[in-house]
N, C-alpha and C. Protein backbone atom coordinates (compact mmCIF):
# COMPACT_ATOMS: atom_id res chain seq x y z
N UNK A 1 94.55 40.55 129.40
CA UNK A 1 94.77 40.94 128.19
C UNK A 1 93.66 41.71 128.15
N UNK A 2 92.37 41.28 128.91
CA UNK A 2 91.23 42.01 128.07
C UNK A 2 91.57 43.74 128.66
N UNK A 3 92.69 43.48 129.84
CA UNK A 3 92.23 44.79 130.43
C UNK A 3 93.11 46.09 129.66
N UNK A 4 93.94 45.41 128.79
CA UNK A 4 94.38 45.76 127.42
C UNK A 4 93.92 46.54 126.75
N UNK A 5 93.29 45.68 126.17
CA UNK A 5 92.12 45.56 124.93
C UNK A 5 91.45 46.93 124.98
N UNK A 6 90.60 46.45 126.63
CA UNK A 6 89.64 47.92 126.97
C UNK A 6 89.96 49.05 127.45
N UNK A 7 91.94 49.47 127.85
CA UNK A 7 92.73 50.36 127.57
C UNK A 7 92.31 51.46 126.36
N UNK A 8 92.86 50.26 125.63
CA UNK A 8 93.29 50.86 124.02
C UNK A 8 92.22 51.21 123.37
N UNK A 9 91.45 50.78 123.52
CA UNK A 9 90.02 51.07 123.08
C UNK A 9 89.19 52.06 123.63
N UNK A 10 89.22 52.63 125.01
CA UNK A 10 89.10 53.64 125.19
C UNK A 10 90.01 54.56 124.86
N UNK A 11 91.81 54.76 124.87
CA UNK A 11 92.27 55.36 124.82
C UNK A 11 92.31 55.79 122.71
N UNK A 12 91.63 55.28 122.32
CA UNK A 12 91.35 55.20 120.76
C UNK A 12 90.31 56.50 120.65
N UNK A 13 88.86 56.25 121.53
CA UNK A 13 87.75 56.47 121.37
C UNK A 13 87.78 58.17 122.15
N UNK A 14 88.90 58.21 122.94
CA UNK A 14 89.43 59.29 123.90
C UNK A 14 90.26 60.38 122.59
N UNK A 15 90.96 59.58 121.72
CA UNK A 15 92.26 60.68 120.61
C UNK A 15 90.64 61.13 119.93
N UNK A 16 90.22 59.89 119.25
CA UNK A 16 88.96 60.15 117.70
C UNK A 16 87.99 61.77 118.26
N UNK A 17 87.76 61.35 119.96
CA UNK A 17 87.11 62.91 120.09
C UNK A 17 87.85 64.02 120.02
N UNK A 18 89.28 64.13 120.08
CA UNK A 18 89.79 64.49 120.37
C UNK A 18 89.97 65.56 118.92
N UNK A 19 90.08 65.07 117.57
CA UNK A 19 90.02 65.16 116.75
C UNK A 19 89.50 66.00 115.75
N UNK A 20 88.38 66.07 115.75
CA UNK A 20 86.98 66.82 115.45
C UNK A 20 86.90 68.32 115.75
N UNK A 21 87.78 68.39 116.83
CA UNK A 21 87.70 70.07 117.27
C UNK A 21 88.93 70.47 116.37
N UNK A 22 90.07 69.78 116.46
CA UNK A 22 91.21 70.00 115.89
C UNK A 22 90.67 70.37 113.66
N UNK A 23 89.88 69.91 113.62
CA UNK A 23 90.06 70.11 112.26
C UNK A 23 88.51 70.94 112.25
N UNK A 24 88.09 71.10 113.09
CA UNK A 24 87.43 72.42 113.19
C UNK A 24 87.77 73.57 113.00
N UNK A 25 88.86 73.55 114.40
CA UNK A 25 89.34 74.81 114.75
C UNK A 25 90.94 75.76 112.88
N UNK A 26 91.09 74.42 112.13
CA UNK A 26 91.21 74.51 111.07
C UNK A 26 90.49 74.62 109.97
N UNK A 27 89.70 74.77 109.95
CA UNK A 27 88.50 74.99 109.34
C UNK A 27 88.06 76.21 109.52
N UNK A 28 87.87 77.18 110.62
CA UNK A 28 87.56 78.54 110.80
C UNK A 28 88.33 79.33 110.68
N UNK A 29 89.73 78.76 111.15
CA UNK A 29 91.09 79.68 110.29
C UNK A 29 91.48 79.51 109.09
N UNK A 30 91.11 78.56 108.48
CA UNK A 30 91.03 78.69 107.07
C UNK A 30 89.90 79.53 106.23
N UNK A 31 88.69 79.49 107.48
CA UNK A 31 87.84 80.78 106.57
C UNK A 31 87.92 82.04 107.76
N UNK A 32 88.76 82.57 108.24
CA UNK A 32 89.20 83.68 108.29
C UNK A 32 90.03 84.14 107.74
N UNK A 33 91.20 83.33 106.64
CA UNK A 33 92.03 83.77 106.31
C UNK A 33 91.80 84.04 104.75
N UNK A 34 90.71 83.53 104.42
CA UNK A 34 89.48 83.71 103.27
C UNK A 34 88.84 84.76 103.43
N UNK A 35 88.41 85.02 104.62
CA UNK A 35 87.67 86.16 104.37
C UNK A 35 88.25 87.68 104.82
N UNK A 36 89.65 87.12 105.27
CA UNK A 36 90.49 88.08 104.70
C UNK A 36 91.32 88.28 103.94
N UNK A 37 91.85 87.80 102.96
CA UNK A 37 92.30 87.54 101.38
C UNK A 37 91.22 88.77 100.79
N UNK A 38 89.72 87.99 100.86
CA UNK A 38 88.58 88.99 100.70
C UNK A 38 88.03 89.96 100.46
N UNK A 39 88.63 90.60 101.73
CA UNK A 39 88.47 92.05 102.62
C UNK A 39 89.92 92.74 102.19
N UNK A 40 91.11 92.14 101.29
CA UNK A 40 92.08 93.09 101.38
C UNK A 40 91.85 93.29 99.62
N UNK A 41 90.75 92.38 98.96
CA UNK A 41 90.74 93.02 97.70
C UNK A 41 89.24 94.07 97.56
N UNK A 42 87.93 94.08 98.82
CA UNK A 42 87.16 94.06 98.28
C UNK A 42 87.15 96.37 99.22
N UNK A 43 88.81 96.20 100.20
CA UNK A 43 88.77 97.24 100.86
C UNK A 43 88.55 98.67 99.74
N UNK A 44 89.81 98.35 98.42
CA UNK A 44 89.50 99.69 97.75
C UNK A 44 88.55 99.73 96.87
N UNK A 45 87.55 98.67 96.56
CA UNK A 45 86.48 99.02 96.01
C UNK A 45 85.06 100.15 97.18
N UNK A 46 84.94 99.53 98.12
CA UNK A 46 84.46 100.07 99.24
C UNK A 46 84.70 101.33 100.06
N UNK A 47 86.10 101.04 100.20
CA UNK A 47 86.56 102.15 101.08
C UNK A 47 87.63 103.14 100.54
N UNK A 48 88.71 102.89 99.96
CA UNK A 48 89.48 103.81 99.15
C UNK A 48 88.94 104.71 98.58
N UNK A 49 87.95 104.88 98.04
CA UNK A 49 86.97 105.82 97.20
C UNK A 49 86.93 107.51 98.29
N UNK A 50 86.49 106.76 99.29
CA UNK A 50 87.32 107.83 100.41
C UNK A 50 88.09 108.00 101.04
N UNK A 51 88.89 107.34 101.52
CA UNK A 51 89.66 106.61 102.73
C UNK A 51 91.14 106.50 102.13
N UNK A 52 92.06 107.05 102.98
CA UNK A 52 93.67 107.25 102.22
C UNK A 52 93.77 105.50 102.98
N UNK A 53 94.72 104.54 102.69
CA UNK A 53 95.06 103.70 103.80
C UNK A 53 95.46 104.36 104.88
N UNK A 54 94.96 102.99 105.92
CA UNK A 54 95.65 102.96 106.72
C UNK A 54 95.32 101.73 107.88
N UNK A 55 96.16 102.03 108.58
CA UNK A 55 97.03 100.51 109.24
C UNK A 55 95.72 100.26 110.49
N UNK A 56 95.53 98.74 109.81
CA UNK A 56 94.26 98.43 110.97
C UNK A 56 94.84 98.43 112.45
N UNK A 57 95.97 98.62 112.56
CA UNK A 57 95.99 98.68 113.88
C UNK A 57 95.69 99.98 114.58
N UNK A 58 95.37 101.46 114.09
CA UNK A 58 94.80 102.13 114.24
C UNK A 58 93.75 102.16 115.12
N UNK A 59 92.49 101.19 115.65
CA UNK A 59 91.68 101.12 116.02
C UNK A 59 91.97 99.64 116.59
N UNK A 60 90.88 99.77 118.55
CA UNK A 60 91.04 98.22 118.35
C UNK A 60 89.83 97.38 117.83
N UNK A 61 89.97 96.30 117.38
CA UNK A 61 89.56 95.48 117.13
C UNK A 61 87.68 95.61 117.54
N UNK A 62 87.47 96.52 118.84
CA UNK A 62 85.65 96.33 118.91
C UNK A 62 85.44 97.44 118.03
N UNK A 63 86.41 98.49 117.99
CA UNK A 63 86.43 100.03 117.09
C UNK A 63 85.95 99.37 115.71
N UNK A 64 86.70 98.74 114.71
CA UNK A 64 86.44 98.68 113.91
C UNK A 64 85.03 98.16 113.82
N UNK A 65 84.34 97.20 114.95
CA UNK A 65 82.84 96.75 114.84
C UNK A 65 81.88 97.77 114.38
N UNK A 66 81.99 98.96 114.95
CA UNK A 66 80.96 100.01 115.14
C UNK A 66 81.17 100.95 114.17
N UNK A 67 82.67 100.84 113.75
CA UNK A 67 83.04 101.68 112.34
C UNK A 67 82.28 101.18 111.36
N UNK A 68 82.67 99.75 110.81
CA UNK A 68 82.11 99.27 109.85
C UNK A 68 80.41 99.42 109.67
N UNK A 69 80.08 98.96 110.49
CA UNK A 69 78.60 98.87 110.73
C UNK A 69 78.18 100.16 109.86
N UNK A 70 78.87 101.61 110.63
CA UNK A 70 78.93 102.70 110.21
C UNK A 70 78.34 102.92 108.67
N UNK A 71 80.19 102.82 107.88
CA UNK A 71 80.23 102.79 107.09
C UNK A 71 79.53 101.60 105.98
N UNK A 72 79.17 100.39 106.05
CA UNK A 72 78.11 99.53 106.06
C UNK A 72 77.35 100.52 105.78
N UNK A 73 76.38 101.13 106.31
CA UNK A 73 75.25 101.46 106.47
C UNK A 73 75.23 103.59 105.05
N UNK A 74 76.66 103.93 105.29
CA UNK A 74 76.92 104.88 104.36
C UNK A 74 77.44 104.13 102.68
N UNK A 75 77.82 103.50 102.85
CA UNK A 75 78.31 102.70 101.55
C UNK A 75 77.34 101.43 100.45
N UNK A 76 75.93 101.15 101.70
CA UNK A 76 75.15 100.50 100.88
C UNK A 76 76.15 98.79 100.33
N UNK A 77 76.62 98.56 101.20
CA UNK A 77 77.98 97.54 101.26
C UNK A 77 77.48 96.49 101.70
N UNK A 78 77.15 95.04 101.30
CA UNK A 78 76.48 94.26 101.48
C UNK A 78 77.56 93.32 102.44
N UNK A 79 76.01 92.94 103.26
CA UNK A 79 76.68 92.27 104.48
C UNK A 79 78.09 91.05 104.62
N UNK A 80 77.96 89.91 103.76
CA UNK A 80 79.00 89.46 103.80
C UNK A 80 80.20 90.64 103.28
N UNK A 81 80.03 91.03 101.96
CA UNK A 81 81.39 92.08 102.22
C UNK A 81 81.87 92.95 103.51
N UNK A 82 80.96 93.00 104.28
CA UNK A 82 81.54 93.85 105.47
C UNK A 82 82.24 93.01 106.54
N UNK A 83 81.63 92.01 106.05
CA UNK A 83 82.32 90.75 107.11
C UNK A 83 83.37 91.01 106.82
N UNK A 84 84.14 90.97 105.61
CA UNK A 84 85.17 90.67 104.93
C UNK A 84 86.57 92.16 105.13
N UNK A 85 85.31 92.93 104.78
CA UNK A 85 86.25 94.06 105.08
C UNK A 85 86.91 93.96 106.79
N UNK A 86 85.25 93.90 107.56
CA UNK A 86 86.07 93.97 108.65
C UNK A 86 87.17 92.92 109.47
N UNK A 87 87.34 91.63 108.68
CA UNK A 87 88.28 90.73 109.02
C UNK A 87 90.22 91.08 108.55
N UNK A 88 89.53 92.19 107.61
CA UNK A 88 90.85 92.74 106.89
C UNK A 88 91.26 93.40 107.96
N UNK A 89 90.62 95.07 108.21
CA UNK A 89 90.83 95.80 109.01
C UNK A 89 91.70 95.62 110.33
N UNK A 90 90.63 94.36 110.75
CA UNK A 90 90.99 93.21 112.44
C UNK A 90 92.28 92.96 111.94
N UNK A 91 92.79 92.55 110.47
CA UNK A 91 94.45 92.01 110.38
C UNK A 91 94.97 90.81 110.99
N UNK A 92 93.06 89.86 111.35
CA UNK A 92 93.58 88.93 111.01
C UNK A 92 93.65 88.39 113.05
N UNK A 93 92.98 89.49 113.82
CA UNK A 93 93.43 89.56 115.03
C UNK A 93 92.09 89.33 116.21
N UNK A 94 91.57 89.00 117.74
CA UNK A 94 90.95 88.44 118.00
C UNK A 94 90.38 87.68 118.05
């Protein structure tokens, strides 16, 4: 009987250790979705003044990193807005 109780406690502790990681992953995904939505809202504000709409798939995600750094300097864009637009351009990929 003690072995069963011990085994159940080990299983409960082990399963409890797995759940925080799943919650953290869900929070990160939720934050990425929120950034994507914010980027979609900000793209016309900063980018559409000079650029026609382009698909995010036009460039690889690593290329968008370089492009957004360059454009951020030209447009005096705040870092948090640049991050949101970057997530939008990457299309939630990466």
